């Protein structure tokens, strides 16, 4: 079961990622654009997720994913770290969020990370 330190390590392993404290919590940014946070007590991560996919995720796995009230109008979803199947699932979630925030030059430079939408 991944924890906050695993999330931090995996996020920082993605290209051009930095950690910055904002709103009193760790945030992770690619080329300056936020793609993940470790909110509150660091038992979950918040990541970018298109709203239509986010709603499907929450309905399919409500024990794993949810939408924080103050993030409902944004394309973000929360994932409970304890509910993730392991580090591979954590990496997939963070890499997907990273791809949504990364500039084209990084997506082109790291094709092994794939492109948004599974291209």
N, C-alpha and C. Protein backbone atom coordinates (compact mmCIF):
# COMPACT_ATOMS: atom_id res chain seq x y z
N UNK A 1 0.85 -1.18 0.00
CA UNK A 1 0.00 0.00 0.00
C UNK A 1 0.90 1.24 0.00
N UNK A 2 0.77 2.06 -1.04
CA UNK A 2 1.59 3.28 -1.11
C UNK A 2 1.25 4.28 -0.02
N UNK A 3 2.24 5.08 0.36
CA UNK A 3 2.01 6.14 1.34
C UNK A 3 2.47 7.47 0.75
N UNK A 4 2.43 8.51 1.57
CA UNK A 4 2.76 9.86 1.09
C UNK A 4 4.20 9.95 0.58
N UNK A 5 5.12 9.25 1.23
CA UNK A 5 6.51 9.29 0.77
C UNK A 5 6.66 8.61 -0.59
N UNK A 6 5.90 7.54 -0.81
CA UNK A 6 5.91 6.89 -2.13
C UNK A 6 5.37 7.85 -3.18
N UNK A 7 4.28 8.54 -2.86
CA UNK A 7 3.69 9.50 -3.79
C UNK A 7 4.70 10.61 -4.12
N UNK A 8 5.37 11.10 -3.12
CA UNK A 8 6.37 12.15 -3.32
C UNK A 8 7.51 11.64 -4.22
N UNK A 9 8.02 10.46 -3.91
CA UNK A 9 9.14 9.89 -4.68
C UNK A 9 8.74 9.65 -6.14
N UNK A 10 7.57 9.07 -6.35
CA UNK A 10 7.12 8.80 -7.71
C UNK A 10 6.88 10.10 -8.47
N UNK A 11 6.21 11.05 -7.85
CA UNK A 11 5.95 12.33 -8.52
C UNK A 11 7.26 13.01 -8.91
N UNK A 12 8.22 13.03 -8.00
CA UNK A 12 9.49 13.70 -8.28
C UNK A 12 10.35 12.94 -9.29
N UNK A 13 10.02 11.68 -9.55
CA UNK A 13 10.77 10.91 -10.55
C UNK A 13 10.33 11.25 -11.97
N UNK A 14 9.20 11.93 -12.11
CA UNK A 14 8.72 12.31 -13.44
C UNK A 14 9.51 13.52 -13.94
N UNK A 15 9.78 13.58 -15.23
CA UNK A 15 10.64 14.63 -15.79
C UNK A 15 10.19 16.05 -15.45
N UNK A 16 11.17 16.88 -15.14
CA UNK A 16 10.99 18.32 -14.91
C UNK A 16 9.99 18.63 -13.80
N UNK A 17 9.88 17.72 -12.81
CA UNK A 17 8.95 17.90 -11.70
C UNK A 17 9.64 18.52 -10.50
N UNK A 18 8.95 19.46 -9.88
CA UNK A 18 9.44 20.08 -8.65
C UNK A 18 8.34 20.02 -7.60
N UNK A 19 8.76 20.12 -6.34
CA UNK A 19 7.81 20.16 -5.23
C UNK A 19 7.79 21.57 -4.68
N UNK A 20 6.59 22.07 -4.39
CA UNK A 20 6.45 23.41 -3.83
C UNK A 20 5.31 23.38 -2.83
N UNK A 21 5.50 23.99 -1.68
CA UNK A 21 4.43 24.10 -0.69
C UNK A 21 3.50 25.23 -1.12
N UNK A 22 2.21 24.90 -1.21
CA UNK A 22 1.17 25.89 -1.52
C UNK A 22 -0.07 25.49 -0.75
N UNK A 23 -0.78 26.46 -0.23
CA UNK A 23 -1.97 26.19 0.59
C UNK A 23 -1.61 25.26 1.76
N UNK A 24 -0.41 25.40 2.29
CA UNK A 24 0.09 24.60 3.42
C UNK A 24 0.20 23.11 3.12
N UNK A 25 0.38 22.74 1.86
CA UNK A 25 0.55 21.33 1.52
C UNK A 25 1.54 21.18 0.38
N UNK A 26 2.15 20.00 0.26
CA UNK A 26 3.05 19.76 -0.86
C UNK A 26 2.27 19.71 -2.18
N UNK A 27 2.79 20.40 -3.18
CA UNK A 27 2.24 20.32 -4.53
C UNK A 27 3.37 19.94 -5.46
N UNK A 28 3.02 19.27 -6.55
CA UNK A 28 4.01 18.81 -7.52
C UNK A 28 3.67 19.43 -8.86
N UNK A 29 4.72 19.96 -9.50
CA UNK A 29 4.53 20.74 -10.73
C UNK A 29 5.50 20.28 -11.81
N UNK A 30 5.00 20.25 -13.03
CA UNK A 30 5.83 19.97 -14.19
C UNK A 30 5.93 21.27 -14.98
N UNK A 31 7.16 21.70 -15.21
CA UNK A 31 7.40 22.96 -15.92
C UNK A 31 6.57 24.08 -15.30
N UNK A 32 6.42 24.05 -13.97
CA UNK A 32 5.72 25.10 -13.24
C UNK A 32 4.21 24.92 -13.14
N UNK A 33 3.65 23.91 -13.79
CA UNK A 33 2.20 23.70 -13.79
C UNK A 33 1.84 22.54 -12.86
N UNK A 34 0.94 22.79 -11.91
CA UNK A 34 0.60 21.80 -10.89
C UNK A 34 -0.12 20.60 -11.49
N UNK A 35 0.32 19.39 -11.07
CA UNK A 35 -0.35 18.17 -11.52
C UNK A 35 -0.74 17.25 -10.36
N UNK A 36 -0.25 17.51 -9.15
CA UNK A 36 -0.63 16.67 -8.01
C UNK A 36 -0.40 17.42 -6.70
N UNK A 37 -1.19 17.05 -5.69
CA UNK A 37 -0.99 17.59 -4.34
C UNK A 37 -1.14 16.44 -3.34
N UNK A 38 -0.57 16.67 -2.17
CA UNK A 38 -0.75 15.77 -1.03
C UNK A 38 -1.53 16.56 0.02
N UNK A 39 -2.87 16.55 -0.09
CA UNK A 39 -3.68 17.37 0.80
C UNK A 39 -3.74 16.88 2.24
N UNK A 40 -4.16 17.81 3.10
CA UNK A 40 -4.45 17.57 4.51
C UNK A 40 -3.47 16.63 5.20
N UNK A 41 -3.96 15.47 5.59
CA UNK A 41 -3.13 14.56 6.39
C UNK A 41 -2.27 13.62 5.54
N UNK A 42 -2.17 13.89 4.25
CA UNK A 42 -1.33 13.14 3.32
C UNK A 42 -1.72 11.67 3.20
N UNK A 43 -3.01 11.37 3.34
CA UNK A 43 -3.49 10.00 3.14
C UNK A 43 -4.09 9.82 1.74
N UNK A 44 -4.11 10.92 0.98
CA UNK A 44 -4.63 10.86 -0.38
C UNK A 44 -3.78 11.75 -1.27
N UNK A 45 -4.01 11.61 -2.57
CA UNK A 45 -3.41 12.54 -3.53
C UNK A 45 -4.55 13.15 -4.33
N UNK A 46 -4.34 14.38 -4.75
CA UNK A 46 -5.27 15.03 -5.68
C UNK A 46 -4.53 15.16 -7.00
N UNK A 47 -5.19 14.74 -8.08
CA UNK A 47 -4.56 14.75 -9.41
C UNK A 47 -5.52 15.30 -10.44
N UNK A 48 -4.96 15.75 -11.55
CA UNK A 48 -5.77 16.23 -12.66
C UNK A 48 -6.53 15.05 -13.27
N UNK A 49 -7.77 15.31 -13.65
CA UNK A 49 -8.58 14.28 -14.30
C UNK A 49 -9.72 14.98 -15.02
N UNK A 50 -9.88 14.75 -16.33
CA UNK A 50 -11.01 15.37 -17.03
C UNK A 50 -12.32 15.04 -16.32
N UNK A 51 -13.20 16.02 -16.24
CA UNK A 51 -14.43 15.85 -15.45
C UNK A 51 -15.24 14.63 -15.86
N UNK A 52 -15.37 14.37 -17.17
CA UNK A 52 -16.18 13.23 -17.60
C UNK A 52 -15.54 11.90 -17.15
N UNK A 53 -14.22 11.80 -17.18
CA UNK A 53 -13.55 10.60 -16.69
C UNK A 53 -13.60 10.52 -15.17
N UNK A 54 -13.48 11.65 -14.53
CA UNK A 54 -13.49 11.72 -13.06
C UNK A 54 -14.79 11.15 -12.51
N UNK A 55 -15.90 11.56 -13.08
CA UNK A 55 -17.19 11.10 -12.59
C UNK A 55 -17.32 9.58 -12.75
N UNK A 56 -16.83 9.05 -13.87
CA UNK A 56 -16.86 7.60 -14.09
C UNK A 56 -15.99 6.88 -13.07
N UNK A 57 -14.80 7.42 -12.80
CA UNK A 57 -13.90 6.81 -11.81
C UNK A 57 -14.56 6.73 -10.44
N UNK A 58 -15.15 7.83 -10.02
CA UNK A 58 -15.77 7.90 -8.69
C UNK A 58 -16.94 6.91 -8.60
N UNK A 59 -17.73 6.82 -9.66
CA UNK A 59 -18.87 5.89 -9.66
C UNK A 59 -18.38 4.44 -9.66
N UNK A 60 -17.32 4.16 -10.40
CA UNK A 60 -16.82 2.78 -10.51
C UNK A 60 -16.08 2.33 -9.25
N UNK A 61 -15.35 3.23 -8.60
CA UNK A 61 -14.55 2.86 -7.44
C UNK A 61 -14.64 3.92 -6.34
N UNK A 62 -15.82 4.06 -5.72
CA UNK A 62 -16.01 5.12 -4.72
C UNK A 62 -15.14 4.94 -3.47
N UNK A 63 -14.66 3.76 -3.21
CA UNK A 63 -13.77 3.54 -2.07
C UNK A 63 -12.35 4.02 -2.35
N UNK A 64 -12.05 4.22 -3.61
CA UNK A 64 -10.70 4.63 -4.01
C UNK A 64 -10.66 6.11 -4.42
N UNK A 65 -11.67 6.56 -5.17
CA UNK A 65 -11.67 7.92 -5.72
C UNK A 65 -12.85 8.73 -5.19
N UNK A 66 -12.65 10.02 -5.01
CA UNK A 66 -13.73 10.93 -4.65
C UNK A 66 -13.37 12.33 -5.06
N UNK A 67 -14.38 13.19 -5.03
CA UNK A 67 -14.20 14.59 -5.42
C UNK A 67 -14.39 15.45 -4.18
N UNK A 68 -13.36 16.20 -3.83
CA UNK A 68 -13.46 17.13 -2.70
C UNK A 68 -14.40 18.27 -3.10
N UNK A 69 -15.23 18.69 -2.16
CA UNK A 69 -16.23 19.74 -2.44
C UNK A 69 -15.61 20.97 -3.10
N UNK A 70 -14.48 21.44 -2.57
CA UNK A 70 -13.89 22.67 -3.09
C UNK A 70 -13.18 22.47 -4.44
N UNK A 71 -13.10 21.23 -4.91
CA UNK A 71 -12.48 20.94 -6.21
C UNK A 71 -13.51 20.52 -7.25
N UNK A 72 -14.79 20.50 -6.89
CA UNK A 72 -15.83 19.98 -7.77
C UNK A 72 -15.91 20.71 -9.12
N UNK A 73 -15.63 22.01 -9.11
CA UNK A 73 -15.74 22.77 -10.36
C UNK A 73 -14.47 22.66 -11.21
N UNK A 74 -13.44 22.00 -10.68
CA UNK A 74 -12.19 21.85 -11.40
C UNK A 74 -12.02 20.40 -11.86
N UNK A 75 -11.13 20.17 -12.80
CA UNK A 75 -10.88 18.83 -13.33
C UNK A 75 -9.83 18.12 -12.48
N UNK A 76 -10.19 17.87 -11.20
CA UNK A 76 -9.31 17.17 -10.26
C UNK A 76 -10.10 16.08 -9.56
N UNK A 77 -9.39 15.04 -9.15
CA UNK A 77 -9.99 13.94 -8.39
C UNK A 77 -9.03 13.55 -7.28
N UNK A 78 -9.55 13.02 -6.19
CA UNK A 78 -8.71 12.53 -5.10
C UNK A 78 -8.64 11.00 -5.16
N UNK A 79 -7.50 10.47 -4.79
CA UNK A 79 -7.32 9.01 -4.69
C UNK A 79 -6.79 8.70 -3.30
N UNK A 80 -7.45 7.77 -2.60
CA UNK A 80 -6.99 7.33 -1.28
C UNK A 80 -5.77 6.43 -1.46
N UNK A 81 -4.66 6.83 -0.89
CA UNK A 81 -3.43 6.06 -1.04
C UNK A 81 -3.60 4.63 -0.54
N UNK A 82 -4.27 4.44 0.59
CA UNK A 82 -4.44 3.10 1.18
C UNK A 82 -5.28 2.18 0.29
N UNK A 83 -6.08 2.75 -0.61
CA UNK A 83 -6.94 1.94 -1.46
C UNK A 83 -6.25 1.54 -2.77
N UNK A 84 -5.10 2.14 -3.06
CA UNK A 84 -4.40 1.80 -4.31
C UNK A 84 -3.80 0.40 -4.21
N UNK A 85 -3.76 -0.27 -5.36
CA UNK A 85 -3.28 -1.65 -5.38
C UNK A 85 -1.78 -1.78 -5.21
N UNK A 86 -1.05 -0.70 -5.39
CA UNK A 86 0.40 -0.74 -5.23
C UNK A 86 1.05 0.43 -5.92
N UNK A 87 2.37 0.39 -5.95
CA UNK A 87 3.11 1.51 -6.52
C UNK A 87 2.90 1.65 -8.03
N UNK A 88 2.64 0.57 -8.71
CA UNK A 88 2.40 0.66 -10.16
C UNK A 88 1.13 1.47 -10.45
N UNK A 89 0.07 1.23 -9.68
CA UNK A 89 -1.15 2.01 -9.87
C UNK A 89 -0.91 3.48 -9.50
N UNK A 90 -0.17 3.72 -8.43
CA UNK A 90 0.18 5.09 -8.04
C UNK A 90 0.93 5.77 -9.17
N UNK A 91 1.92 5.08 -9.75
CA UNK A 91 2.71 5.65 -10.85
C UNK A 91 1.81 5.96 -12.04
N UNK A 92 0.89 5.04 -12.38
CA UNK A 92 -0.01 5.27 -13.52
C UNK A 92 -0.87 6.52 -13.30
N UNK A 93 -1.40 6.67 -12.09
CA UNK A 93 -2.25 7.83 -11.77
C UNK A 93 -1.45 9.12 -11.86
N UNK A 94 -0.26 9.13 -11.26
CA UNK A 94 0.56 10.35 -11.28
C UNK A 94 1.06 10.66 -12.68
N UNK A 95 1.45 9.64 -13.44
CA UNK A 95 1.94 9.88 -14.81
C UNK A 95 0.82 10.42 -15.69
N UNK A 96 -0.39 9.92 -15.51
CA UNK A 96 -1.52 10.42 -16.29
C UNK A 96 -1.76 11.90 -15.99
N UNK A 97 -1.70 12.27 -14.72
CA UNK A 97 -1.88 13.66 -14.34
C UNK A 97 -0.73 14.52 -14.87
N UNK A 98 0.49 13.99 -14.79
CA UNK A 98 1.67 14.69 -15.31
C UNK A 98 1.50 15.00 -16.79
N UNK A 99 1.02 14.00 -17.56
CA UNK A 99 0.83 14.18 -19.01
C UNK A 99 -0.16 15.32 -19.29
N UNK A 100 -1.17 15.47 -18.44
CA UNK A 100 -2.16 16.52 -18.66
C UNK A 100 -1.60 17.92 -18.42
N UNK A 101 -0.55 18.01 -17.63
CA UNK A 101 0.03 19.31 -17.30
C UNK A 101 1.31 19.61 -18.08
N UNK A 102 1.97 18.57 -18.55
CA UNK A 102 3.28 18.74 -19.20
C UNK A 102 3.16 19.47 -20.54
N UNK A 103 4.14 20.31 -20.84
CA UNK A 103 4.14 20.99 -22.14
C UNK A 103 4.50 19.99 -23.25
N UNK A 104 4.11 20.29 -24.48
CA UNK A 104 4.39 19.38 -25.60
C UNK A 104 5.86 18.96 -25.72
N UNK A 105 6.78 19.86 -25.42
CA UNK A 105 8.21 19.52 -25.54
C UNK A 105 8.58 18.35 -24.63
N UNK A 106 7.98 18.27 -23.45
CA UNK A 106 8.27 17.16 -22.54
C UNK A 106 7.56 15.89 -22.98
N UNK A 107 6.33 16.00 -23.47
CA UNK A 107 5.63 14.83 -23.98
C UNK A 107 6.39 14.21 -25.14
N UNK A 108 6.97 15.06 -25.99
CA UNK A 108 7.75 14.57 -27.13
C UNK A 108 9.09 13.99 -26.67
N UNK A 109 9.69 14.59 -25.64
CA UNK A 109 11.00 14.14 -25.16
C UNK A 109 10.92 12.83 -24.38
N UNK A 110 9.75 12.50 -23.85
CA UNK A 110 9.58 11.29 -23.03
C UNK A 110 8.43 10.44 -23.56
N UNK A 111 8.57 9.91 -24.79
CA UNK A 111 7.47 9.13 -25.38
C UNK A 111 7.12 7.89 -24.57
N UNK A 112 8.04 7.39 -23.76
CA UNK A 112 7.75 6.20 -22.94
C UNK A 112 6.67 6.48 -21.90
N UNK A 113 6.42 7.75 -21.59
CA UNK A 113 5.36 8.10 -20.65
C UNK A 113 4.00 8.16 -21.34
N UNK A 114 4.01 7.99 -22.66
CA UNK A 114 2.75 7.99 -23.40
C UNK A 114 2.18 9.37 -23.59
N UNK A 115 1.08 9.42 -24.26
CA UNK A 115 0.40 10.68 -24.51
C UNK A 115 -0.98 10.64 -23.88
N UNK A 116 -1.55 11.79 -23.53
CA UNK A 116 -2.89 11.79 -22.94
C UNK A 116 -3.88 11.07 -23.86
N UNK A 117 -4.83 10.42 -23.24
CA UNK A 117 -5.86 9.73 -24.02
C UNK A 117 -5.40 8.38 -24.55
N UNK A 118 -4.24 7.90 -24.09
CA UNK A 118 -3.77 6.59 -24.49
C UNK A 118 -3.21 6.52 -25.89
N UNK A 119 -2.89 7.66 -26.48
CA UNK A 119 -2.36 7.67 -27.84
C UNK A 119 -0.97 7.10 -27.89
